[in-house]
PDB file of N, CA and C in Angstrom:
ATOM      1  N   MET A   1    -212.587 147.735  99.628  1.00  0.00           N
ATOM      2  CA  MET A   1    -212.109 146.550 100.310  1.00  0.00           C
ATOM      3  C   MET A   1    -211.394 145.655  99.292  1.00  0.00           C
ATOM      4  N   LEU A   2    -210.237 145.183  99.688  1.00  0.00           N
ATOM      5  CA  LEU A   2    -209.453 144.323  98.809  1.00  0.00           C
ATOM      6  C   LEU A   2    -210.027 142.914  98.763  1.00  0.00           C
ATOM      7  N   THR A   3    -209.972 142.312  97.590  1.00  0.00           N
ATOM      8  CA  THR A   3    -210.378 140.918  97.461  1.00  0.00           C
ATOM      9  C   THR A   3    -209.223 140.025  97.908  1.00  0.00           C
ATOM     10  N   ASN A   4    -209.517 138.784  98.179  1.00  0.00           N
ATOM     11  CA  ASN A   4    -208.465 137.833  98.546  1.00  0.00           C
ATOM     12  C   ASN A   4    -207.445 137.694  97.422  1.00  0.00           C
ATOM     13  N   LYS A   5    -207.906 137.721  96.181  1.00  0.00           N
ATOM     14  CA  LYS A   5    -207.008 137.629  95.031  1.00  0.00           C
ATOM     15  C   LYS A   5    -206.040 138.813  95.003  1.00  0.00           C
ATOM     16  N   GLN A   6    -206.539 140.027  95.264  1.00  0.00           N
ATOM     17  CA  GLN A   6    -205.677 141.210  95.297  1.00  0.00           C
ATOM     18  C   GLN A   6    -204.639 141.091  96.409  1.00  0.00           C
ATOM     19  N   LYS A   7    -205.061 140.596  97.559  1.00  0.00           N
ATOM     20  CA  LYS A   7    -204.127 140.420  98.679  1.00  0.00           C
ATOM     21  C   LYS A   7    -203.038 139.411  98.313  1.00  0.00           C
ATOM     22  N   GLU A   8    -203.439 138.307  97.700  1.00  0.00           N
ATOM     23  CA  GLU A   8    -202.469 137.306  97.274  1.00  0.00           C
ATOM     24  C   GLU A   8    -201.488 137.883  96.262  1.00  0.00           C
ATOM     25  N   CYS A   9    -201.987 138.685  95.336  1.00  0.00           N
ATOM     26  CA  CYS A   9    -201.118 139.307  94.323  1.00  0.00           C
ATOM     27  C   CYS A   9    -200.112 140.256  94.966  1.00  0.00           C
ATOM     28  N   LEU A  10    -200.543 141.022  95.960  1.00  0.00           N
ATOM     29  CA  LEU A  10    -199.628 141.923  96.668  1.00  0.00           C
ATOM     30  C   LEU A  10    -198.521 141.140  97.364  1.00  0.00           C
ATOM     31  N   LYS A  11    -198.893 140.073  98.029  1.00  0.00           N
ATOM     32  CA  LYS A  11    -197.908 139.249  98.731  1.00  0.00           C
ATOM     33  C   LYS A  11    -196.903 138.652  97.749  1.00  0.00           C
ATOM     34  N   GLU A  12    -197.405 138.199  96.621  1.00  0.00           N
ATOM     35  CA  GLU A  12    -196.523 137.649  95.600  1.00  0.00           C
ATOM     36  C   GLU A  12    -195.617 138.730  95.026  1.00  0.00           C
ATOM     37  N   PHE A  13    -196.148 139.922  94.814  1.00  0.00           N
ATOM     38  CA  PHE A  13    -195.385 141.038  94.243  1.00  0.00           C
ATOM     39  C   PHE A  13    -194.158 141.374  95.084  1.00  0.00           C
ATOM     40  N   VAL A  14    -194.289 141.298  96.416  1.00  0.00           N
ATOM     41  CA  VAL A  14    -193.159 141.626  97.297  1.00  0.00           C
ATOM     42  C   VAL A  14    -192.306 140.396  97.621  1.00  0.00           C
ATOM     43  N   GLY A  15    -192.580 139.295  96.947  1.00  0.00           N
ATOM     44  CA  GLY A  15    -191.768 138.099  97.149  1.00  0.00           C
ATOM     45  C   GLY A  15    -192.059 137.360  98.442  1.00  0.00           C
ATOM     46  N   PHE A  16    -193.276 137.539  98.980  1.00  0.00           N
ATOM     47  CA  PHE A  16    -193.700 136.871 100.208  1.00  0.00           C
ATOM     48  C   PHE A  16    -192.795 137.238 101.386  1.00  0.00           C
ATOM     49  N   LYS A  17    -192.337 138.493 101.390  1.00  0.00           N
ATOM     50  CA  LYS A  17    -191.486 139.006 102.470  1.00  0.00           C
ATOM     51  C   LYS A  17    -192.154 140.215 103.117  1.00  0.00           C
ATOM     52  N   CYS A  18    -191.892 140.375 104.394  1.00  0.00           N
ATOM     53  CA  CYS A  18    -192.333 141.564 105.120  1.00  0.00           C
ATOM     54  C   CYS A  18    -191.582 142.768 104.565  1.00  0.00           C
ATOM     55  N   GLU A  19    -192.303 143.822 104.246  1.00  0.00           N
ATOM     56  CA  GLU A  19    -191.659 145.017 103.702  1.00  0.00           C
ATOM     57  C   GLU A  19    -190.949 145.847 104.768  1.00  0.00           C
ATOM     58  N   VAL A  20    -191.104 145.482 106.038  1.00  0.00           N
ATOM     59  CA  VAL A  20    -190.432 146.210 107.116  1.00  0.00           C
ATOM     60  C   VAL A  20    -189.172 145.477 107.569  1.00  0.00           C
ATOM     61  N   CYS A  21    -189.334 144.230 108.013  1.00  0.00           N
ATOM     62  CA  CYS A  21    -188.187 143.482 108.552  1.00  0.00           C
ATOM     63  C   CYS A  21    -187.578 142.527 107.525  1.00  0.00           C
ATOM     64  N   HIS A  22    -188.228 142.382 106.378  1.00  0.00           N
ATOM     65  CA  HIS A  22    -187.763 141.558 105.258  1.00  0.00           C
ATOM     66  C   HIS A  22    -187.756 140.061 105.553  1.00  0.00           C
ATOM     67  N   LYS A  23    -188.502 139.658 106.575  1.00  0.00           N
ATOM     68  CA  LYS A  23    -188.608 138.233 106.902  1.00  0.00           C
ATOM     69  C   LYS A  23    -189.415 137.523 105.814  1.00  0.00           C
ATOM     70  N   GLN A  24    -188.873 136.412 105.337  1.00  0.00           N
ATOM     71  CA  GLN A  24    -189.572 135.562 104.362  1.00  0.00           C
ATOM     72  C   GLN A  24    -190.625 134.765 105.111  1.00  0.00           C
ATOM     73  N   GLU A  25    -191.835 134.727 104.602  1.00  0.00           N
ATOM     74  CA  GLU A  25    -192.916 133.964 105.236  1.00  0.00           C
ATOM     75  C   GLU A  25    -193.384 132.847 104.321  1.00  0.00           C
ATOM     76  N   SER A  26    -193.364 131.619 104.820  1.00  0.00           N
ATOM     77  CA  SER A  26    -193.883 130.502 104.038  1.00  0.00           C
ATOM     78  C   SER A  26    -195.389 130.349 104.249  1.00  0.00           C
ATOM     79  N   ASP A  27    -195.884 130.792 105.394  1.00  0.00           N
ATOM     80  CA  ASP A  27    -197.317 130.765 105.673  1.00  0.00           C
ATOM     81  C   ASP A  27    -197.903 132.120 105.291  1.00  0.00           C
ATOM     82  N   LEU A  28    -198.611 132.165 104.170  1.00  0.00           N
ATOM     83  CA  LEU A  28    -199.124 133.436 103.664  1.00  0.00           C
ATOM     84  C   LEU A  28    -200.115 134.093 104.601  1.00  0.00           C
ATOM     85  N   ASN A  29    -200.742 133.316 105.487  1.00  0.00           N
ATOM     86  CA  ASN A  29    -201.674 133.894 106.444  1.00  0.00           C
ATOM     87  C   ASN A  29    -200.971 134.735 107.501  1.00  0.00           C
ATOM     88  N   ARG A  30    -199.658 134.589 107.599  1.00  0.00           N
ATOM     89  CA  ARG A  30    -198.897 135.384 108.570  1.00  0.00           C
ATOM     90  C   ARG A  30    -198.448 136.727 107.993  1.00  0.00           C
ATOM     91  N   LEU A  31    -198.747 136.956 106.736  1.00  0.00           N
ATOM     92  CA  LEU A  31    -198.479 138.252 106.123  1.00  0.00           C
ATOM     93  C   LEU A  31    -199.783 139.045 106.101  1.00  0.00           C
ATOM     94  N   ASN A  32    -199.709 140.289 106.533  1.00  0.00           N
ATOM     95  CA  ASN A  32    -200.882 141.152 106.600  1.00  0.00           C
ATOM     96  C   ASN A  32    -200.758 142.291 105.609  1.00  0.00           C
ATOM     97  N   ILE A  33    -201.893 142.765 105.149  1.00  0.00           N
ATOM     98  CA  ILE A  33    -201.928 143.966 104.320  1.00  0.00           C
ATOM     99  C   ILE A  33    -202.229 145.128 105.251  1.00  0.00           C
ATOM    100  N   HIS A  34    -201.284 146.036 105.358  1.00  0.00           N
ATOM    101  CA  HIS A  34    -201.384 147.178 106.273  1.00  0.00           C
ATOM    102  C   HIS A  34    -201.625 148.454 105.473  1.00  0.00           C
ATOM    103  N   HIS A  35    -202.598 149.244 105.906  1.00  0.00           N
ATOM    104  CA  HIS A  35    -202.843 150.557 105.298  1.00  0.00           C
ATOM    105  C   HIS A  35    -201.893 151.570 105.940  1.00  0.00           C
ATOM    106  N   ILE A  36    -201.086 152.229 105.144  1.00  0.00           N
ATOM    107  CA  ILE A  36    -200.161 153.234 105.649  1.00  0.00           C
ATOM    108  C   ILE A  36    -200.950 154.379 106.266  1.00  0.00           C
ATOM    109  N   ASN A  37    -201.919 154.897 105.529  1.00  0.00           N
ATOM    110  CA  ASN A  37    -202.878 155.862 106.063  1.00  0.00           C
ATOM    111  C   ASN A  37    -204.169 155.092 106.300  1.00  0.00           C
ATOM    112  N   ALA A  38    -204.552 154.968 107.554  1.00  0.00           N
ATOM    113  CA  ALA A  38    -205.698 154.138 107.927  1.00  0.00           C
ATOM    114  C   ALA A  38    -206.974 154.568 107.205  1.00  0.00           C
ATOM    115  N   THR A  39    -207.808 153.586 106.898  1.00  0.00           N
ATOM    116  CA  THR A  39    -209.054 153.886 106.190  1.00  0.00           C
ATOM    117  C   THR A  39    -209.964 154.782 107.028  1.00  0.00           C
ATOM    118  N   TYR A  40    -209.944 154.608 108.352  1.00  0.00           N
ATOM    119  CA  TYR A  40    -210.793 155.456 109.191  1.00  0.00           C
ATOM    120  C   TYR A  40    -210.294 156.902 109.234  1.00  0.00           C
ATOM    121  N   GLN A  41    -209.085 157.138 108.746  1.00  0.00           N
ATOM    122  CA  GLN A  41    -208.541 158.489 108.665  1.00  0.00           C
ATOM    123  C   GLN A  41    -208.506 158.981 107.225  1.00  0.00           C
ATOM    124  N   GLY A  42    -209.271 158.334 106.355  1.00  0.00           N
ATOM    125  CA  GLY A  42    -209.351 158.769 104.969  1.00  0.00           C
ATOM    126  C   GLY A  42    -208.457 158.017 104.005  1.00  0.00           C
ATOM    127  N   GLY A  43    -207.677 157.058 104.497  1.00  0.00           N
ATOM    128  CA  GLY A  43    -206.831 156.254 103.621  1.00  0.00           C
ATOM    129  C   GLY A  43    -207.683 155.347 102.741  1.00  0.00           C
ATOM    130  N   ASN A  44    -207.101 154.882 101.662  1.00  0.00           N
ATOM    131  CA  ASN A  44    -207.861 154.043 100.734  1.00  0.00           C
ATOM    132  C   ASN A  44    -207.107 152.758 100.429  1.00  0.00           C
ATOM    133  N   ASP A  45    -207.670 151.961  99.534  1.00  0.00           N
ATOM    134  CA  ASP A  45    -207.064 150.688  99.156  1.00  0.00           C
ATOM    135  C   ASP A  45    -206.151 150.820  97.945  1.00  0.00           C
ATOM    136  N   ASN A  46    -205.727 152.029  97.634  1.00  0.00           N
ATOM    137  CA  ASN A  46    -204.777 152.240  96.545  1.00  0.00           C
ATOM    138  C   ASN A  46    -203.481 151.528  96.906  1.00  0.00           C
ATOM    139  N   PHE A  47    -202.881 150.859  95.933  1.00  0.00           N
ATOM    140  CA  PHE A  47    -201.678 150.079  96.212  1.00  0.00           C
ATOM    141  C   PHE A  47    -200.548 150.912  96.805  1.00  0.00           C
ATOM    142  N   ARG A  48    -200.513 152.204  96.548  1.00  0.00           N
ATOM    143  CA  ARG A  48    -199.475 153.060  97.134  1.00  0.00           C
ATOM    144  C   ARG A  48    -199.709 153.309  98.619  1.00  0.00           C
ATOM    145  N   ASN A  49    -200.899 152.960  99.107  1.00  0.00           N
ATOM    146  CA  ASN A  49    -201.224 153.143 100.517  1.00  0.00           C
ATOM    147  C   ASN A  49    -201.159 151.823 101.286  1.00  0.00           C
ATOM    148  N   LEU A  50    -200.629 150.786 100.679  1.00  0.00           N
ATOM    149  CA  LEU A  50    -200.613 149.472 101.301  1.00  0.00           C
ATOM    150  C   LEU A  50    -199.195 148.950 101.470  1.00  0.00           C
ATOM    151  N   GLN A  51    -198.996 148.191 102.535  1.00  0.00           N
ATOM    152  CA  GLN A  51    -197.737 147.498 102.785  1.00  0.00           C
ATOM    153  C   GLN A  51    -198.050 146.055 103.133  1.00  0.00           C
ATOM    154  N   VAL A  52    -197.195 145.146 102.714  1.00  0.00           N
ATOM    155  CA  VAL A  52    -197.286 143.754 103.129  1.00  0.00           C
ATOM    156  C   VAL A  52    -196.307 143.584 104.286  1.00  0.00           C
ATOM    157  N   ILE A  53    -196.844 143.247 105.453  1.00  0.00           N
ATOM    158  CA  ILE A  53    -195.985 143.123 106.634  1.00  0.00           C
ATOM    159  C   ILE A  53    -196.364 141.876 107.436  1.00  0.00           C
ATOM    160  N   CYS A  54    -195.383 141.361 108.167  1.00  0.00           N
ATOM    161  CA  CYS A  54    -195.607 140.173 108.989  1.00  0.00           C
ATOM    162  C   CYS A  54    -196.444 140.541 110.216  1.00  0.00           C
ATOM    163  N   GLU A  55    -196.944 139.514 110.892  1.00  0.00           N
ATOM    164  CA  GLU A  55    -197.784 139.739 112.069  1.00  0.00           C
ATOM    165  C   GLU A  55    -197.062 140.535 113.150  1.00  0.00           C
ATOM    166  N   LYS A  56    -195.785 140.224 113.358  1.00  0.00           N
ATOM    167  CA  LYS A  56    -195.015 140.908 114.400  1.00  0.00           C
ATOM    168  C   LYS A  56    -194.910 142.406 114.095  1.00  0.00           C
ATOM    169  N   CYS A  57    -194.543 142.750 112.879  1.00  0.00           N
ATOM    170  CA  CYS A  57    -194.426 144.166 112.509  1.00  0.00           C
ATOM    171  C   CYS A  57    -195.788 144.848 112.527  1.00  0.00           C
ATOM    172  N   HIS A  58    -196.839 144.126 112.174  1.00  0.00           N
ATOM    173  CA  HIS A  58    -198.179 144.703 112.187  1.00  0.00           C
ATOM    174  C   HIS A  58    -198.589 145.071 113.607  1.00  0.00           C
ATOM    175  N   ARG A  59    -198.289 144.182 114.562  1.00  0.00           N
ATOM    176  CA  ARG A  59    -198.585 144.498 115.968  1.00  0.00           C
ATOM    177  C   ARG A  59    -197.790 145.714 116.426  1.00  0.00           C
ATOM    178  N   ILE A  60    -196.529 145.797 116.033  1.00  0.00           N
ATOM    179  CA  ILE A  60    -195.698 146.931 116.434  1.00  0.00           C
ATOM    180  C   ILE A  60    -196.283 148.238 115.889  1.00  0.00           C
ATOM    181  N   TYR A  61    -196.695 148.247 114.616  1.00  0.00           N
ATOM    182  CA  TYR A  61    -197.309 149.433 114.029  1.00  0.00           C
ATOM    183  C   TYR A  61    -198.530 149.880 114.839  1.00  0.00           C
ATOM    184  N   HIS A  62    -199.369 148.929 115.220  1.00  0.00           N
ATOM    185  CA  HIS A  62    -200.605 149.293 115.894  1.00  0.00           C
ATOM    186  C   HIS A  62    -200.406 149.637 117.351  1.00  0.00           C
ATOM    187  N   TYR A  63    -199.255 149.310 117.896  1.00  0.00           N
ATOM    188  CA  TYR A  63    -198.925 149.738 119.252  1.00  0.00           C
ATOM    189  C   TYR A  63    -197.984 150.943 119.225  1.00  0.00           C
ATOM    190  N   HIS A  64    -197.833 151.548 118.044  1.00  0.00           N
ATOM    191  CA  HIS A  64    -197.084 152.798 117.860  1.00  0.00           C
ATOM    192  C   HIS A  64    -195.643 152.710 118.338  1.00  0.00           C
ATOM    193  N   GLU A  65    -195.008 151.584 118.082  1.00  0.00           N
ATOM    194  CA  GLU A  65    -193.621 151.420 118.500  1.00  0.00           C
ATOM    195  C   GLU A  65    -192.641 151.768 117.400  1.00  0.00           C
ATOM    196  N   PHE A  66    -193.135 152.102 116.189  1.00  0.00           N
ATOM    197  CA  PHE A  66    -192.240 152.506 115.098  1.00  0.00           C
ATOM    198  C   PHE A  66    -192.040 153.987 115.155  1.00  0.00           C
TER     199      PHE A  66
END
């Protein structure tokens, strides 16, 4: 499980932008850490398995619209 500090560092690393739609977010709570391979399917918290995405893109991913 990622710590809040790790999540903040990831968001800062990508410039506080969604890695899918590239929207800049001023409210950091609107950026989510998304597991590319879900943890329930064996995915882990390795940084290569994580994406920083906005709430809108996160909902789209979970409704399988990508």
